[in-house]
Amino acid sequence: EHLPARTLAAAAGRAGVAILAGDAFYPQGSLGQLDG
């Protein structure tokens, strides 16, 4: 919970590692509580 994916992705990018944060894979207004 304390580590948002975008924060981790940005830190990884500065270290020369590319990853994708999960929220890019969710449509706006998805059912349920998860947003990636």
Full PDB file with SEQRES, HELIX, SHEET, SSBOND, CRYST1, ORIGX, SCALE, CONECT and MASTER records, all heavy atoms in Angstrom:
SEQRES   1 A   36  GLU HIS LEU PRO ALA ARG THR LEU ALA ALA ALA ALA GLY          
SEQRES   2 A   36  ARG ALA GLY VAL ALA ILE LEU ALA GLY ASP ALA PHE TYR          
SEQRES   3 A   36  PRO GLN GLY SER LEU GLY GLN LEU ASP GLY                      
HELIX    1 AA1 ALA A    5  ARG A   14  1                                  10    
HELIX    2 AA2 GLY A   22  PHE A   25  5                                   4    
CRYST1    1.000    1.000    1.000  90.00  90.00  90.00 P 1           1          
ORIGX1      1.000000  0.000000  0.000000        0.00000                         
ORIGX2      0.000000  1.000000  0.000000        0.00000                         
ORIGX3      0.000000  0.000000  1.000000        0.00000                         
SCALE1      1.000000  0.000000  0.000000        0.00000                         
SCALE2      0.000000  1.000000  0.000000        0.00000                         
SCALE3      0.000000  0.000000  1.000000        0.00000                         
ATOM      1  N   GLU A   1       0.815  -1.216   0.000  1.00  0.00           N  
ATOM      2  CA  GLU A   1       0.000   0.000   0.000  1.00  0.00           C  
ATOM      3  C   GLU A   1       0.848   1.265   0.000  1.00  0.00           C  
ATOM      4  O   GLU A   1       0.462   2.285  -0.561  1.00  0.00           O  
ATOM      5  CB  GLU A   1      -0.943   0.002   1.210  1.00  0.00           C  
ATOM      6  CG  GLU A   1      -2.060  -1.023   1.129  1.00  0.00           C  
ATOM      7  CD  GLU A   1      -3.013  -0.725  -0.018  1.00  0.00           C  
ATOM      8  OE1 GLU A   1      -3.301   0.466  -0.259  1.00  0.00           O  
ATOM      9  OE2 GLU A   1      -3.464  -1.674  -0.686  1.00  0.00           O  
ATOM     10  N   HIS A   2       2.009   1.210   0.645  1.00  0.00           N  
ATOM     11  CA  HIS A   2       2.805   2.432   0.785  1.00  0.00           C  
ATOM     12  C   HIS A   2       3.664   2.728  -0.444  1.00  0.00           C  
ATOM     13  O   HIS A   2       4.398   3.720  -0.463  1.00  0.00           O  
ATOM     14  CB  HIS A   2       3.716   2.323   2.010  1.00  0.00           C  
ATOM     15  CG  HIS A   2       4.799   1.287   1.870  1.00  0.00           C  
ATOM     16  ND1 HIS A   2       4.588  -0.032   2.187  1.00  0.00           N  
ATOM     17  CD2 HIS A   2       6.082   1.380   1.425  1.00  0.00           C  
ATOM     18  CE1 HIS A   2       5.705  -0.711   1.958  1.00  0.00           C  
ATOM     19  NE2 HIS A   2       6.621   0.116   1.499  1.00  0.00           N  
ATOM     20  N   LEU A   3       3.571   1.896  -1.489  1.00  0.00           N  
ATOM     21  CA  LEU A   3       4.438   2.077  -2.650  1.00  0.00           C  
ATOM     22  C   LEU A   3       3.613   2.155  -3.932  1.00  0.00           C  
ATOM     23  O   LEU A   3       3.332   1.134  -4.577  1.00  0.00           O  
ATOM     24  CB  LEU A   3       5.429   0.918  -2.753  1.00  0.00           C  
ATOM     25  CG  LEU A   3       6.470   0.992  -3.887  1.00  0.00           C  
ATOM     26  CD1 LEU A   3       7.299   2.265  -3.787  1.00  0.00           C  
ATOM     27  CD2 LEU A   3       7.372  -0.232  -3.858  1.00  0.00           C  
ATOM     28  N   PRO A   4       3.190   3.355  -4.339  1.00  0.00           N  
ATOM     29  CA  PRO A   4       2.435   3.495  -5.594  1.00  0.00           C  
ATOM     30  C   PRO A   4       3.283   3.055  -6.783  1.00  0.00           C  
ATOM     31  O   PRO A   4       4.491   3.310  -6.849  1.00  0.00           O  
ATOM     32  CB  PRO A   4       2.133   4.996  -5.658  1.00  0.00           C  
ATOM     33  CG  PRO A   4       2.279   5.489  -4.251  1.00  0.00           C  
ATOM     34  CD  PRO A   4       3.339   4.633  -3.629  1.00  0.00           C  
ATOM     35  N   ALA A   5       2.638   2.410  -7.736  1.00  0.00           N  
ATOM     36  CA  ALA A   5       3.364   1.859  -8.879  1.00  0.00           C  
ATOM     37  C   ALA A   5       4.053   2.941  -9.696  1.00  0.00           C  
ATOM     38  O   ALA A   5       5.161   2.741 -10.198  1.00  0.00           O  
ATOM     39  CB  ALA A   5       2.402   1.061  -9.759  1.00  0.00           C  
ATOM     40  N   ARG A   6       3.418   4.098  -9.845  1.00  0.00           N  
ATOM     41  CA  ARG A   6       4.040   5.159 -10.635  1.00  0.00           C  
ATOM     42  C   ARG A   6       5.300   5.692  -9.961  1.00  0.00           C  
ATOM     43  O   ARG A   6       6.265   6.059 -10.632  1.00  0.00           O  
ATOM     44  CB  ARG A   6       3.042   6.291 -10.894  1.00  0.00           C  
ATOM     45  CG  ARG A   6       2.059   5.960 -11.993  1.00  0.00           C  
ATOM     46  CD  ARG A   6       1.337   7.196 -12.493  1.00  0.00           C  
ATOM     47  NE  ARG A   6       0.417   6.860 -13.567  1.00  0.00           N  
ATOM     48  CZ  ARG A   6       0.749   6.851 -14.850  1.00  0.00           C  
ATOM     49  NH1 ARG A   6       1.983   7.138 -15.212  1.00  0.00           N  
ATOM     50  NH2 ARG A   6      -0.145   6.554 -15.770  1.00  0.00           N  
ATOM     51  N   THR A   7       5.286   5.750  -8.651  1.00  0.00           N  
ATOM     52  CA  THR A   7       6.481   6.189  -7.935  1.00  0.00           C  
ATOM     53  C   THR A   7       7.621   5.201  -8.148  1.00  0.00           C  
ATOM     54  O   THR A   7       8.768   5.588  -8.398  1.00  0.00           O  
ATOM     55  CB  THR A   7       6.184   6.325  -6.436  1.00  0.00           C  
ATOM     56  OG1 THR A   7       5.137   7.287  -6.261  1.00  0.00           O  
ATOM     57  CG2 THR A   7       7.416   6.788  -5.671  1.00  0.00           C  
ATOM     58  N   LEU A   8       7.297   3.909  -8.063  1.00  0.00           N  
ATOM     59  CA  LEU A   8       8.305   2.883  -8.283  1.00  0.00           C  
ATOM     60  C   LEU A   8       8.804   2.915  -9.725  1.00  0.00           C  
ATOM     61  O   LEU A   8      10.011   2.801  -9.978  1.00  0.00           O  
ATOM     62  CB  LEU A   8       7.733   1.502  -7.968  1.00  0.00           C  
ATOM     63  CG  LEU A   8       8.670   0.315  -8.209  1.00  0.00           C  
ATOM     64  CD1 LEU A   8       9.920   0.427  -7.362  1.00  0.00           C  
ATOM     65  CD2 LEU A   8       7.960  -1.001  -7.922  1.00  0.00           C  
ATOM     66  N   ALA A   9       7.883   3.074 -10.696  1.00  0.00           N  
ATOM     67  CA  ALA A   9       8.282   3.108 -12.099  1.00  0.00           C  
ATOM     68  C   ALA A   9       9.211   4.285 -12.385  1.00  0.00           C  
ATOM     69  O   ALA A   9      10.180   4.159 -13.143  1.00  0.00           O  
ATOM     70  CB  ALA A   9       7.046   3.176 -12.997  1.00  0.00           C  
ATOM     71  N   ALA A  10       8.929   5.443 -11.774  1.00  0.00           N  
ATOM     72  CA  ALA A  10       9.786   6.608 -11.977  1.00  0.00           C  
ATOM     73  C   ALA A  10      11.171   6.383 -11.386  1.00  0.00           C  
ATOM     74  O   ALA A  10      12.188   6.709 -12.000  1.00  0.00           O  
ATOM     75  CB  ALA A  10       9.129   7.839 -11.348  1.00  0.00           C  
ATOM     76  N   ALA A  11      11.213   5.808 -10.175  1.00  0.00           N  
ATOM     77  CA  ALA A  11      12.509   5.526  -9.548  1.00  0.00           C  
ATOM     78  C   ALA A  11      13.294   4.501 -10.360  1.00  0.00           C  
ATOM     79  O   ALA A  11      14.506   4.626 -10.549  1.00  0.00           O  
ATOM     80  CB  ALA A  11      12.297   5.031  -8.125  1.00  0.00           C  
ATOM     81  N   ALA A  12      12.605   3.477 -10.859  1.00  0.00           N  
ATOM     82  CA  ALA A  12      13.264   2.462 -11.676  1.00  0.00           C  
ATOM     83  C   ALA A  12      13.822   3.081 -12.955  1.00  0.00           C  
ATOM     84  O   ALA A  12      14.936   2.748 -13.392  1.00  0.00           O  
ATOM     85  CB  ALA A  12      12.287   1.339 -12.006  1.00  0.00           C  
ATOM     86  N   GLY A  13      13.045   3.979 -13.559  1.00  0.00           N  
ATOM     87  CA  GLY A  13      13.507   4.636 -14.775  1.00  0.00           C  
ATOM     88  C   GLY A  13      14.783   5.422 -14.557  1.00  0.00           C  
ATOM     89  O   GLY A  13      15.685   5.399 -15.403  1.00  0.00           O  
ATOM     90  N   ARG A  14      14.872   6.110 -13.416  1.00  0.00           N  
ATOM     91  CA  ARG A  14      16.090   6.860 -13.122  1.00  0.00           C  
ATOM     92  C   ARG A  14      17.279   5.930 -12.913  1.00  0.00           C  
ATOM     93  O   ARG A  14      18.431   6.332 -13.079  1.00  0.00           O  
ATOM     94  CB  ARG A  14      15.877   7.748 -11.889  1.00  0.00           C  
ATOM     95  CG  ARG A  14      14.878   8.884 -12.121  1.00  0.00           C  
ATOM     96  CD  ARG A  14      14.927   9.913 -11.008  1.00  0.00           C  
ATOM     97  NE  ARG A  14      14.459   9.382  -9.745  1.00  0.00           N  
ATOM     98  CZ  ARG A  14      13.190   9.390  -9.347  1.00  0.00           C  
ATOM     99  NH1 ARG A  14      12.260   9.893 -10.152  1.00  0.00           N  
ATOM    100  NH2 ARG A  14      12.841   8.913  -8.170  1.00  0.00           N  
ATOM    101  N   ALA A  15      17.004   4.675 -12.555  1.00  0.00           N  
ATOM    102  CA  ALA A  15      18.073   3.692 -12.352  1.00  0.00           C  
ATOM    103  C   ALA A  15      18.364   2.886 -13.620  1.00  0.00           C  
ATOM    104  O   ALA A  15      19.171   1.960 -13.590  1.00  0.00           O  
ATOM    105  CB  ALA A  15      17.696   2.746 -11.209  1.00  0.00           C  
ATOM    106  N   GLY A  16      17.696   3.218 -14.718  1.00  0.00           N  
ATOM    107  CA  GLY A  16      17.964   2.538 -15.971  1.00  0.00           C  
ATOM    108  C   GLY A  16      17.162   1.275 -16.186  1.00  0.00           C  
ATOM    109  O   GLY A  16      17.554   0.406 -16.959  1.00  0.00           O  
ATOM    110  N   VAL A  17      16.011   1.166 -15.517  1.00  0.00           N  
ATOM    111  CA  VAL A  17      15.148  -0.013 -15.645  1.00  0.00           C  
ATOM    112  C   VAL A  17      13.738   0.459 -16.001  1.00  0.00           C  
ATOM    113  O   VAL A  17      13.173   1.309 -15.318  1.00  0.00           O  
ATOM    114  CB  VAL A  17      15.112  -0.839 -14.339  1.00  0.00           C  
ATOM    115  CG1 VAL A  17      14.199  -2.043 -14.496  1.00  0.00           C  
ATOM    116  CG2 VAL A  17      16.509  -1.277 -13.940  1.00  0.00           C  
ATOM    117  N   ALA A  18      13.163  -0.100 -17.061  1.00  0.00           N  
ATOM    118  CA  ALA A  18      11.823   0.291 -17.495  1.00  0.00           C  
ATOM    119  C   ALA A  18      10.796  -0.748 -17.065  1.00  0.00           C  
ATOM    120  O   ALA A  18      10.942  -1.935 -17.352  1.00  0.00           O  
ATOM    121  CB  ALA A  18      11.785   0.455 -19.009  1.00  0.00           C  
ATOM    122  N   ILE A  19       9.773  -0.288 -16.340  1.00  0.00           N  
ATOM    123  CA  ILE A  19       8.645  -1.135 -15.966  1.00  0.00           C  
ATOM    124  C   ILE A  19       7.369  -0.353 -16.259  1.00  0.00           C  
ATOM    125  O   ILE A  19       7.412   0.849 -16.505  1.00  0.00           O  
ATOM    126  CB  ILE A  19       8.691  -1.549 -14.477  1.00  0.00           C  
ATOM    127  CG1 ILE A  19       8.569  -0.306 -13.573  1.00  0.00           C  
ATOM    128  CG2 ILE A  19       9.963  -2.315 -14.161  1.00  0.00           C  
ATOM    129  CD1 ILE A  19       8.520  -0.640 -12.094  1.00  0.00           C  
ATOM    130  N   LEU A  20       6.232  -1.036 -16.218  1.00  0.00           N  
ATOM    131  CA  LEU A  20       4.957  -0.375 -16.476  1.00  0.00           C  
ATOM    132  C   LEU A  20       4.092  -0.383 -15.223  1.00  0.00           C  
ATOM    133  O   LEU A  20       3.839  -1.445 -14.644  1.00  0.00           O  
ATOM    134  CB  LEU A  20       4.203  -1.070 -17.610  1.00  0.00           C  
ATOM    135  CG  LEU A  20       4.708  -0.820 -19.030  1.00  0.00           C  
ATOM    136  CD1 LEU A  20       3.780  -1.480 -20.030  1.00  0.00           C  
ATOM    137  CD2 LEU A  20       4.835   0.659 -19.327  1.00  0.00           C  
ATOM    138  N   ALA A  21       3.629   0.795 -14.829  1.00  0.00           N  
ATOM    139  CA  ALA A  21       2.698   0.909 -13.712  1.00  0.00           C  
ATOM    140  C   ALA A  21       1.336   0.376 -14.132  1.00  0.00           C  
ATOM    141  O   ALA A  21       0.903   0.539 -15.278  1.00  0.00           O  
ATOM    142  CB  ALA A  21       2.581   2.361 -13.264  1.00  0.00           C  
ATOM    143  N   GLY A  22       0.635  -0.264 -13.199  1.00  0.00           N  
ATOM    144  CA  GLY A  22      -0.583  -0.979 -13.528  1.00  0.00           C  
ATOM    145  C   GLY A  22      -1.774  -0.137 -13.885  1.00  0.00           C  
ATOM    146  O   GLY A  22      -2.704  -0.621 -14.551  1.00  0.00           O  
ATOM    147  N   ASP A  23      -1.802   1.140 -13.475  1.00  0.00           N  
ATOM    148  CA  ASP A  23      -3.019   1.924 -13.717  1.00  0.00           C  
ATOM    149  C   ASP A  23      -3.260   2.194 -15.189  1.00  0.00           C  
ATOM    150  O   ASP A  23      -4.383   2.498 -15.592  1.00  0.00           O  
ATOM    151  CB  ASP A  23      -3.004   3.230 -12.922  1.00  0.00           C  
ATOM    152  CG  ASP A  23      -1.761   4.070 -13.178  1.00  0.00           C  
ATOM    153  OD1 ASP A  23      -0.852   3.598 -13.891  1.00  0.00           O  
ATOM    154  OD2 ASP A  23      -1.688   5.196 -12.656  1.00  0.00           O  
ATOM    155  N   ALA A  24      -2.228   2.064 -16.034  1.00  0.00           N  
ATOM    156  CA  ALA A  24      -2.412   2.270 -17.473  1.00  0.00           C  
ATOM    157  C   ALA A  24      -3.334   1.223 -18.082  1.00  0.00           C  
ATOM    158  O   ALA A  24      -3.892   1.438 -19.163  1.00  0.00           O  
ATOM    159  CB  ALA A  24      -1.062   2.236 -18.186  1.00  0.00           C  
ATOM    160  N   PHE A  25      -3.534   0.093 -17.391  1.00  0.00           N  
ATOM    161  CA  PHE A  25      -4.299  -1.022 -17.945  1.00  0.00           C  
ATOM    162  C   PHE A  25      -5.769  -1.014 -17.517  1.00  0.00           C  
ATOM    163  O   PHE A  25      -6.497  -1.955 -17.834  1.00  0.00           O  
ATOM    164  CB  PHE A  25      -3.665  -2.350 -17.528  1.00  0.00           C  
ATOM    165  CG  PHE A  25      -2.251  -2.521 -18.015  1.00  0.00           C  
ATOM    166  CD1 PHE A  25      -1.180  -2.167 -17.217  1.00  0.00           C  
ATOM    167  CD2 PHE A  25      -1.997  -3.008 -19.280  1.00  0.00           C  
ATOM    168  CE1 PHE A  25       0.128  -2.320 -17.664  1.00  0.00           C  
ATOM    169  CE2 PHE A  25      -0.701  -3.161 -19.745  1.00  0.00           C  
ATOM    170  CZ  PHE A  25       0.363  -2.818 -18.932  1.00  0.00           C  
ATOM    171  N   TYR A  26      -6.186   0.011 -16.810  1.00  0.00           N  
ATOM    172  CA  TYR A  26      -7.566   0.059 -16.318  1.00  0.00           C  
ATOM    173  C   TYR A  26      -8.361   1.135 -17.037  1.00  0.00           C  
ATOM    174  O   TYR A  26      -7.913   2.280 -17.140  1.00  0.00           O  
ATOM    175  CB  TYR A  26      -7.597   0.333 -14.807  1.00  0.00           C  
ATOM    176  CG  TYR A  26      -7.290  -0.883 -13.977  1.00  0.00           C  
ATOM    177  CD1 TYR A  26      -5.985  -1.306 -13.791  1.00  0.00           C  
ATOM    178  CD2 TYR A  26      -8.309  -1.629 -13.391  1.00  0.00           C  
ATOM    179  CE1 TYR A  26      -5.692  -2.436 -13.034  1.00  0.00           C  
ATOM    180  CE2 TYR A  26      -8.030  -2.749 -12.632  1.00  0.00           C  
ATOM    181  CZ  TYR A  26      -6.726  -3.145 -12.461  1.00  0.00           C  
ATOM    182  OH  TYR A  26      -6.446  -4.275 -11.716  1.00  0.00           O  
ATOM    183  N   PRO A  27      -9.544   0.796 -17.543  1.00  0.00           N  
ATOM    184  CA  PRO A  27     -10.401   1.818 -18.136  1.00  0.00           C  
ATOM    185  C   PRO A  27     -10.945   2.733 -17.051  1.00  0.00           C  
ATOM    186  O   PRO A  27     -11.080   2.338 -15.897  1.00  0.00           O  
ATOM    187  CB  PRO A  27     -11.527   1.013 -18.786  1.00  0.00           C  
ATOM    188  CG  PRO A  27     -11.592  -0.250 -17.992  1.00  0.00           C  
ATOM    189  CD  PRO A  27     -10.180  -0.538 -17.563  1.00  0.00           C  
ATOM    190  N   GLN A  28     -11.253   3.956 -17.444  1.00  0.00           N  
ATOM    191  CA  GLN A  28     -11.867   4.873 -16.485  1.00  0.00           C  
ATOM    192  C   GLN A  28     -13.228   4.325 -16.068  1.00  0.00           C  
ATOM    193  O   GLN A  28     -13.985   3.809 -16.875  1.00  0.00           O  
ATOM    194  CB  GLN A  28     -12.036   6.247 -17.122  1.00  0.00           C  
ATOM    195  CG  GLN A  28     -10.718   6.900 -17.533  1.00  0.00           C  
ATOM    196  CD  GLN A  28     -10.963   8.202 -18.234  1.00  0.00           C  
ATOM    197  OE1 GLN A  28     -11.494   9.139 -17.644  1.00  0.00           O  
ATOM    198  NE2 GLN A  28     -10.595   8.276 -19.494  1.00  0.00           N  
ATOM    199  N   GLY A  29     -13.514   4.423 -14.785  1.00  0.00           N  
ATOM    200  CA  GLY A  29     -14.807   3.975 -14.309  1.00  0.00           C  
ATOM    201  C   GLY A  29     -14.929   2.479 -14.204  1.00  0.00           C  
ATOM    202  O   GLY A  29     -16.022   1.940 -14.354  1.00  0.00           O  
ATOM    203  N   SER A  30     -13.821   1.762 -13.944  1.00  0.00           N  
ATOM    204  CA  SER A  30     -13.892   0.307 -13.811  1.00  0.00           C  
ATOM    205  C   SER A  30     -14.736  -0.075 -12.602  1.00  0.00           C  
ATOM    206  O   SER A  30     -14.736   0.614 -11.584  1.00  0.00           O  
ATOM    207  CB  SER A  30     -12.486  -0.274 -13.634  1.00  0.00           C  
ATOM    208  OG  SER A  30     -11.689  -0.021 -14.751  1.00  0.00           O  
ATOM    209  N   LEU A  31     -15.447  -1.192 -12.736  1.00  0.00           N  
ATOM    210  CA  LEU A  31     -16.185  -1.715 -11.601  1.00  0.00           C  
ATOM    211  C   LEU A  31     -15.197  -2.208 -10.548  1.00  0.00           C  
ATOM    212  O   LEU A  31     -14.109  -2.666 -10.857  1.00  0.00           O  
ATOM    213  CB  LEU A  31     -17.080  -2.864 -12.028  1.00  0.00           C  
ATOM    214  CG  LEU A  31     -18.262  -2.517 -12.929  1.00  0.00           C  
ATOM    215  CD1 LEU A  31     -18.975  -3.784 -13.356  1.00  0.00           C  
ATOM    216  CD2 LEU A  31     -19.225  -1.600 -12.208  1.00  0.00           C  
ATOM    217  N   GLY A  32     -15.583  -2.147  -9.281  1.00  0.00           N  
ATOM    218  CA  GLY A  32     -14.699  -2.636  -8.228  1.00  0.00           C  
ATOM    219  C   GLY A  32     -13.788  -1.538  -7.731  1.00  0.00           C  
ATOM    220  O   GLY A  32     -13.809  -0.397  -8.185  1.00  0.00           O  
ATOM    221  N   GLN A  33     -12.936  -1.876  -6.787  1.00  0.00           N  
ATOM    222  CA  GLN A  33     -12.106  -0.901  -6.113  1.00  0.00           C  
ATOM    223  C   GLN A  33     -10.711  -0.772  -6.728  1.00  0.00           C  
ATOM    224  O   GLN A  33     -10.025   0.210  -6.496  1.00  0.00           O  
ATOM    225  CB  GLN A  33     -11.968  -1.294  -4.631  1.00  0.00           C  
ATOM    226  CG  GLN A  33     -13.303  -1.363  -3.904  1.00  0.00           C  
ATOM    227  CD  GLN A  33     -14.045  -0.046  -3.947  1.00  0.00           C  
ATOM    228  OE1 GLN A  33     -13.472   1.010  -3.685  1.00  0.00           O  
ATOM    229  NE2 GLN A  33     -15.330  -0.098  -4.281  1.00  0.00           N  
ATOM    230  N   LEU A  34     -10.256  -1.753  -7.482  1.00  0.00           N  
ATOM    231  CA  LEU A  34      -8.902  -1.712  -8.000  1.00  0.00           C  
ATOM    232  C   LEU A  34      -8.775  -0.729  -9.154  1.00  0.00           C  
ATOM    233  O   LEU A  34      -9.643  -0.645 -10.011  1.00  0.00           O  
ATOM    234  CB  LEU A  34      -8.475  -3.111  -8.459  1.00  0.00           C  
ATOM    235  CG  LEU A  34      -8.363  -4.181  -7.369  1.00  0.00           C  
ATOM    236  CD1 LEU A  34      -7.959  -5.503  -7.991  1.00  0.00           C  
ATOM    237  CD2 LEU A  34      -7.361  -3.764  -6.307  1.00  0.00           C  
ATOM    238  N   ASP A  35      -7.678   0.016  -9.171  1.00  0.00           N  
ATOM    239  CA  ASP A  35      -7.415   0.922 -10.277  1.00  0.00           C  
ATOM    240  C   ASP A  35      -6.011   0.744 -10.833  1.00  0.00           C  
ATOM    241  O   ASP A  35      -5.569   1.503 -11.690  1.00  0.00           O  
ATOM    242  CB  ASP A  35      -7.611   2.378  -9.851  1.00  0.00           C  
ATOM    243  CG  ASP A  35      -6.675   2.779  -8.702  1.00  0.00           C  
ATOM    244  OD1 ASP A  35      -5.832   1.955  -8.290  1.00  0.00           O  
ATOM    245  OD2 ASP A  35      -6.778   3.922  -8.238  1.00  0.00           O  
ATOM    246  N   GLY A  36      -5.287  -0.252 -10.352  1.00  0.00           N  
ATOM    247  CA  GLY A  36      -3.961  -0.533 -10.869  1.00  0.00           C  
ATOM    248  C   GLY A  36      -2.837   0.217 -10.201  1.00  0.00           C  
ATOM    249  O   GLY A  36      -1.674  -0.003 -10.524  1.00  0.00           O  
TER     250      GLY A  36                                                      
MASTER        0    0    0    2    0    0    0    6  249    1    0    3          
END                                                                             
